[in-house]
Amino acid sequence: MWAYIKRSDGRTEEREFPAGVYIEVGDILEDGSIVIDLPYSDEIDDDTEPLALYDD
């Protein structure tokens, strides 16, 4: 999972987190950085429509 974070000195950076780590916008990390954006969400939107429908 990738996230944009804001460091305590004001700089922003993009950081990769290992699989299985769950973070949200606004979370404060161990080093004091704050998650400001999640550009590549691992979650599937509930509003996503299937690409093809199959009838049996």
Protein backbone atom coordinates (compact mmCIF):
# COMPACT_ATOMS: atom_id res chain seq x y z
CA MET A 1 0.00 0.00 0.00
CA TRP A 2 1.26 3.46 -0.88
CA ALA A 3 0.49 6.59 1.12
CA TYR A 4 1.47 10.24 1.08
CA ILE A 5 2.72 11.37 4.46
CA LYS A 6 3.63 14.71 5.99
CA ARG A 7 6.72 14.59 8.16
CA SER A 8 7.13 16.59 11.36
CA ASP A 9 9.50 19.00 9.56
CA GLY A 10 6.75 19.84 7.01
CA ARG A 11 8.08 17.83 4.08
CA THR A 12 5.78 15.41 2.26
CA GLU A 13 6.78 12.10 0.73
CA GLU A 14 5.27 8.98 -0.75
CA ARG A 15 5.92 5.86 1.32
CA GLU A 16 5.20 2.19 0.71
CA PHE A 17 3.83 0.04 3.52
CA PRO A 18 4.00 -3.76 3.66
CA ALA A 19 1.00 -5.90 2.75
CA GLY A 20 -1.39 -6.36 5.63
CA VAL A 21 -0.73 -2.95 7.18
CA TYR A 22 -3.98 -0.98 7.48
CA ILE A 23 -3.70 2.81 7.61
CA GLU A 24 -6.18 5.64 7.05
CA VAL A 25 -5.89 9.34 6.25
CA GLY A 26 -5.13 11.15 9.50
CA ASP A 27 -3.26 8.28 11.15
CA ILE A 28 -0.12 9.28 13.06
CA LEU A 29 2.81 6.96 12.41
CA GLU A 30 5.53 5.90 14.87
CA ASP A 31 7.95 8.55 13.60
CA GLY A 32 5.39 11.35 14.09
CA SER A 33 4.43 11.57 10.40
CA ILE A 34 0.77 11.98 9.47
CA VAL A 35 -0.95 10.14 6.60
CA ILE A 36 -2.42 12.80 4.29
CA ASP A 37 -3.52 10.77 1.24
CA LEU A 38 -3.96 7.19 0.03
CA PRO A 39 -3.63 7.41 -3.76
CA TYR A 40 -3.73 3.67 -4.44
CA SER A 41 -6.37 2.19 -2.19
CA ASP A 42 -6.30 -1.59 -1.75
CA GLU A 43 -10.04 -1.62 -1.08
CA ILE A 44 -12.70 -2.18 -3.73
CA ASP A 45 -15.41 0.47 -3.79
CA ASP A 46 -18.91 -0.73 -2.95
CA ASP A 47 -20.22 1.30 -5.91
CA THR A 48 -18.05 -0.57 -8.41
CA GLU A 49 -20.10 -2.23 -11.12
CA PRO A 50 -19.10 -5.61 -12.51
CA LEU A 51 -17.56 -5.52 -15.97
CA ALA A 52 -19.72 -8.36 -17.28
CA LEU A 53 -22.87 -10.07 -16.13
CA TYR A 54 -23.40 -13.77 -16.77
CA ASP A 55 -26.80 -15.45 -16.95
CA ASP A 56 -27.08 -19.14 -16.22
